[in-house]
């Protein structure tokens, strides 16, 4: 089983997937939103191909922790995804992931106006969200092992 990481956007959805042991997250895709039927087919195929058992979706909170303007859209998408795939959904704080993703892209000298940068930004953000979630799970596991 693997965990799917999602960075939800109106047009593009960043996708990352964990390894089977939940140690790493790899950028997988930046899916361009189409119709509900095509979206459903895409995500079902993805879940089957990677044996996904859980989905982590970045929740766009403000810096003070209050819900951002995109929270409702993200929750609506998550509900659709949960009903479509019948898998548990976990929301994960995605504050500053876009800034981190843009910093990584700048380090690789990908220009601002480059279309590729806009697409890669979502993939990298999904990877950061999933990596953070996996790290949290490991920390919780290690904390229970200490007793």
C-alpha atoms as a PDB file:
ATOM      1  CA  UNK A   1       0.000   0.000   0.000  1.00  0.00           C
ATOM      2  CA  UNK A   2       1.062   3.595  -0.690  1.00  0.00           C
ATOM      3  CA  UNK A   3      -0.109   7.068   0.211  1.00  0.00           C
ATOM      4  CA  UNK A   4      -1.060   9.625  -2.400  1.00  0.00           C
ATOM      5  CA  UNK A   5      -0.225  13.289  -1.793  1.00  0.00           C
ATOM      6  CA  UNK A   6      -2.367  15.946  -3.456  1.00  0.00           C
ATOM      7  CA  UNK A   7      -1.905  19.681  -3.996  1.00  0.00           C
ATOM      8  CA  UNK A   8      -5.316  20.831  -5.225  1.00  0.00           C
ATOM      9  CA  UNK A   9      -5.612  23.741  -7.635  1.00  0.00           C
ATOM     10  CA  UNK A  10      -8.431  24.998  -9.845  1.00  0.00           C
ATOM     11  CA  UNK A  11      -6.709  23.915 -13.061  1.00  0.00           C
ATOM     12  CA  UNK A  12      -3.826  21.692 -12.006  1.00  0.00           C
ATOM     13  CA  UNK A  13      -3.589  19.105  -9.278  1.00  0.00           C
ATOM     14  CA  UNK A  14      -0.135  18.131  -8.084  1.00  0.00           C
ATOM     15  CA  UNK A  15       0.293  14.427  -7.359  1.00  0.00           C
ATOM     16  CA  UNK A  16       2.972  12.657  -5.313  1.00  0.00           C
ATOM     17  CA  UNK A  17       3.154   9.076  -4.100  1.00  0.00           C
ATOM     18  CA  UNK A  18       4.957   7.429  -1.208  1.00  0.00           C
ATOM     19  CA  UNK A  19       7.100   4.348  -1.450  1.00  0.00           C
ATOM     20  CA  UNK A  20       5.602   1.137  -0.037  1.00  0.00           C
ATOM     21  CA  UNK A  21       7.468   1.577   3.283  1.00  0.00           C
ATOM     22  CA  UNK A  22       6.307   5.198   3.749  1.00  0.00           C
ATOM     23  CA  UNK A  23       9.837   6.622   3.862  1.00  0.00           C
ATOM     24  CA  UNK A  24       9.870   8.825   0.781  1.00  0.00           C
ATOM     25  CA  UNK A  25       7.551  10.853  -1.402  1.00  0.00           C
ATOM     26  CA  UNK A  26       8.105  11.151  -5.132  1.00  0.00           C
ATOM     27  CA  UNK A  27       6.587  13.754  -7.443  1.00  0.00           C
ATOM     28  CA  UNK A  28       4.383  11.877  -9.871  1.00  0.00           C
ATOM     29  CA  UNK A  29       2.265  14.153 -12.010  1.00  0.00           C
ATOM     30  CA  UNK A  30       0.500  17.450 -12.435  1.00  0.00           C
ATOM     31  CA  UNK A  31      -2.973  16.549 -13.584  1.00  0.00           C
ATOM     32  CA  UNK A  32      -4.914  19.099 -15.604  1.00  0.00           C
ATOM     33  CA  UNK A  33      -8.550  19.135 -14.436  1.00  0.00           C
ATOM     34  CA  UNK A  34     -10.958  18.070 -17.185  1.00  0.00           C
ATOM     35  CA  UNK A  35     -14.488  16.719 -16.766  1.00  0.00           C
ATOM     36  CA  UNK A  36     -15.758  14.870 -13.694  1.00  0.00           C
ATOM     37  CA  UNK A  37     -15.857  11.635 -15.707  1.00  0.00           C
ATOM     38  CA  UNK A  38     -12.281  11.990 -16.992  1.00  0.00           C
ATOM     39  CA  UNK A  39     -11.075  13.063 -13.546  1.00  0.00           C
ATOM     40  CA  UNK A  40     -12.751  10.015 -12.002  1.00  0.00           C
ATOM     41  CA  UNK A  41     -11.114   7.692 -14.541  1.00  0.00           C
ATOM     42  CA  UNK A  42      -7.684   9.277 -13.948  1.00  0.00           C
ATOM     43  CA  UNK A  43      -7.779   8.970 -10.162  1.00  0.00           C
ATOM     44  CA  UNK A  44      -9.169   5.418 -10.197  1.00  0.00           C
ATOM     45  CA  UNK A  45      -6.370   4.351 -12.552  1.00  0.00           C
ATOM     46  CA  UNK A  46      -3.788   6.076 -10.338  1.00  0.00           C
ATOM     47  CA  UNK A  47      -5.071   4.372  -7.180  1.00  0.00           C
ATOM     48  CA  UNK A  48      -5.037   0.984  -8.868  1.00  0.00           C
ATOM     49  CA  UNK A  49      -1.608   1.389 -10.462  1.00  0.00           C
ATOM     50  CA  UNK A  50       0.116   2.476  -7.241  1.00  0.00           C
ATOM     51  CA  UNK A  51      -1.970   0.451  -4.773  1.00  0.00           C
ATOM     52  CA  UNK A  52      -3.020   3.593  -2.884  1.00  0.00           C
ATOM     53  CA  UNK A  53      -4.679   3.082   0.483  1.00  0.00           C
ATOM     54  CA  UNK A  54      -4.810   6.642   1.778  1.00  0.00           C
ATOM     55  CA  UNK A  55      -4.848  10.162   0.368  1.00  0.00           C
ATOM     56  CA  UNK A  56      -3.323  13.276   1.936  1.00  0.00           C
ATOM     57  CA  UNK A  57      -4.603  16.603   0.638  1.00  0.00           C
ATOM     58  CA  UNK A  58      -2.953  19.922   1.398  1.00  0.00           C
ATOM     59  CA  UNK A  59      -5.262  22.262   3.301  1.00  0.00           C
ATOM     60  CA  UNK A  60      -4.645  25.935   2.448  1.00  0.00           C
ATOM     61  CA  UNK A  61      -4.554  27.605   5.850  1.00  0.00           C
ATOM     62  CA  UNK A  62      -3.542  31.194   6.483  1.00  0.00           C
ATOM     63  CA  UNK A  63      -0.351  31.931   8.397  1.00  0.00           C
ATOM     64  CA  UNK A  64      -2.364  32.369  11.625  1.00  0.00           C
ATOM     65  CA  UNK A  65      -3.887  28.891  11.152  1.00  0.00           C
ATOM     66  CA  UNK A  66      -7.343  30.101  10.148  1.00  0.00           C
ATOM     67  CA  UNK A  67      -9.004  28.687   7.030  1.00  0.00           C
ATOM     68  CA  UNK A  68      -7.861  30.305   3.795  1.00  0.00           C
ATOM     69  CA  UNK A  69     -10.148  31.300   0.956  1.00  0.00           C
ATOM     70  CA  UNK A  70      -9.555  28.003  -0.855  1.00  0.00           C
ATOM     71  CA  UNK A  71     -10.429  25.716   2.062  1.00  0.00           C
ATOM     72  CA  UNK A  72     -14.055  25.189   0.997  1.00  0.00           C
ATOM     73  CA  UNK A  73     -13.079  24.337  -2.600  1.00  0.00           C
ATOM     74  CA  UNK A  74     -10.424  21.945  -1.314  1.00  0.00           C
ATOM     75  CA  UNK A  75     -12.882  20.239   1.042  1.00  0.00           C
ATOM     76  CA  UNK A  76     -15.447  19.917  -1.743  1.00  0.00           C
ATOM     77  CA  UNK A  77     -12.825  18.280  -3.980  1.00  0.00           C
ATOM     78  CA  UNK A  78     -11.769  15.982  -1.109  1.00  0.00           C
ATOM     79  CA  UNK A  79     -15.369  14.878  -0.554  1.00  0.00           C
ATOM     80  CA  UNK A  80     -15.738  14.119  -4.264  1.00  0.00           C
ATOM     81  CA  UNK A  81     -12.455  12.179  -4.212  1.00  0.00           C
ATOM     82  CA  UNK A  82     -13.461  10.232  -1.097  1.00  0.00           C
ATOM     83  CA  UNK A  83     -16.845   9.325  -2.596  1.00  0.00           C
ATOM     84  CA  UNK A  84     -15.224   8.382  -5.903  1.00  0.00           C
ATOM     85  CA  UNK A  85     -12.358   6.271  -4.567  1.00  0.00           C
ATOM     86  CA  UNK A  86     -13.737   5.106  -1.206  1.00  0.00           C
ATOM     87  CA  UNK A  87     -10.414   5.798   0.497  1.00  0.00           C
ATOM     88  CA  UNK A  88      -9.663   7.713   3.690  1.00  0.00           C
ATOM     89  CA  UNK A  89      -8.707  11.344   3.185  1.00  0.00           C
ATOM     90  CA  UNK A  90      -6.404  13.214   5.544  1.00  0.00           C
ATOM     91  CA  UNK A  91      -6.006  16.975   5.378  1.00  0.00           C
ATOM     92  CA  UNK A  92      -2.507  18.326   5.944  1.00  0.00           C
ATOM     93  CA  UNK A  93      -1.415  21.896   6.580  1.00  0.00           C
ATOM     94  CA  UNK A  94       0.149  23.178   3.374  1.00  0.00           C
ATOM     95  CA  UNK A  95       1.298  26.593   4.591  1.00  0.00           C
ATOM     96  CA  UNK A  96       4.432  27.768   2.761  1.00  0.00           C
ATOM     97  CA  UNK A  97       4.614  24.738   0.458  1.00  0.00           C
ATOM     98  CA  UNK A  98       4.155  26.922  -2.622  1.00  0.00           C
ATOM     99  CA  UNK A  99       7.004  29.183  -1.486  1.00  0.00           C
ATOM    100  CA  UNK A 100       9.185  26.131  -0.869  1.00  0.00           C
ATOM    101  CA  UNK A 101       8.298  24.734  -4.296  1.00  0.00           C
ATOM    102  CA  UNK A 102       9.088  28.041  -6.019  1.00  0.00           C
ATOM    103  CA  UNK A 103      12.411  28.229  -4.192  1.00  0.00           C
ATOM    104  CA  UNK A 104      13.306  24.753  -5.445  1.00  0.00           C
ATOM    105  CA  UNK A 105      12.355  25.720  -8.994  1.00  0.00           C
ATOM    106  CA  UNK A 106      14.462  28.895  -8.783  1.00  0.00           C
ATOM    107  CA  UNK A 107      17.419  26.842  -7.571  1.00  0.00           C
ATOM    108  CA  UNK A 108      17.047  24.772 -10.733  1.00  0.00           C
ATOM    109  CA  UNK A 109      16.946  27.977 -12.791  1.00  0.00           C
ATOM    110  CA  UNK A 110      13.458  27.470 -14.202  1.00  0.00           C
ATOM    111  CA  UNK A 111      12.188  30.908 -15.245  1.00  0.00           C
ATOM    112  CA  UNK A 112       8.969  32.446 -13.849  1.00  0.00           C
ATOM    113  CA  UNK A 113       7.177  32.715 -17.176  1.00  0.00           C
ATOM    114  CA  UNK A 114       8.010  29.159 -18.107  1.00  0.00           C
ATOM    115  CA  UNK A 115       4.805  27.051 -18.380  1.00  0.00           C
ATOM    116  CA  UNK A 116       6.751  24.100 -17.035  1.00  0.00           C
ATOM    117  CA  UNK A 117       7.348  25.996 -13.779  1.00  0.00           C
ATOM    118  CA  UNK A 118       3.611  26.421 -13.198  1.00  0.00           C
ATOM    119  CA  UNK A 119       3.057  22.698 -13.704  1.00  0.00           C
ATOM    120  CA  UNK A 120       6.054  21.553 -11.655  1.00  0.00           C
ATOM    121  CA  UNK A 121       5.081  23.846  -8.767  1.00  0.00           C
ATOM    122  CA  UNK A 122       2.043  21.665  -8.030  1.00  0.00           C
ATOM    123  CA  UNK A 123       4.035  18.417  -8.220  1.00  0.00           C
ATOM    124  CA  UNK A 124       6.679  19.727  -5.857  1.00  0.00           C
ATOM    125  CA  UNK A 125       4.058  21.107  -3.465  1.00  0.00           C
ATOM    126  CA  UNK A 126       2.318  17.708  -3.383  1.00  0.00           C
ATOM    127  CA  UNK A 127       5.670  16.068  -2.642  1.00  0.00           C
ATOM    128  CA  UNK A 128       6.375  18.499   0.208  1.00  0.00           C
ATOM    129  CA  UNK A 129       2.889  17.926   1.677  1.00  0.00           C
ATOM    130  CA  UNK A 130       3.292  14.151   1.526  1.00  0.00           C
ATOM    131  CA  UNK A 131       6.875  14.217   2.853  1.00  0.00           C
ATOM    132  CA  UNK A 132       5.783  16.297   5.836  1.00  0.00           C
ATOM    133  CA  UNK A 133       2.913  13.913   6.525  1.00  0.00           C
ATOM    134  CA  UNK A 134       5.165  10.848   6.314  1.00  0.00           C
ATOM    135  CA  UNK A 135       7.695  12.470   8.662  1.00  0.00           C
ATOM    136  CA  UNK A 136       4.913  13.154  11.172  1.00  0.00           C
ATOM    137  CA  UNK A 137       3.794   9.509  11.034  1.00  0.00           C
ATOM    138  CA  UNK A 138       7.385   8.350  11.639  1.00  0.00           C
ATOM    139  CA  UNK A 139       7.775  10.730  14.592  1.00  0.00           C
ATOM    140  CA  UNK A 140       4.539   9.458  16.157  1.00  0.00           C
ATOM    141  CA  UNK A 141       5.648   5.871  15.604  1.00  0.00           C
ATOM    142  CA  UNK A 142       9.069   6.533  17.138  1.00  0.00           C
ATOM    143  CA  UNK A 143       7.537   8.318  20.121  1.00  0.00           C
ATOM    144  CA  UNK A 144       5.382   5.285  20.936  1.00  0.00           C
ATOM    145  CA  UNK A 145       8.400   2.983  20.568  1.00  0.00           C
ATOM    146  CA  UNK A 146      10.307   4.885  23.273  1.00  0.00           C
ATOM    147  CA  UNK A 147       7.974   3.709  26.019  1.00  0.00           C
END
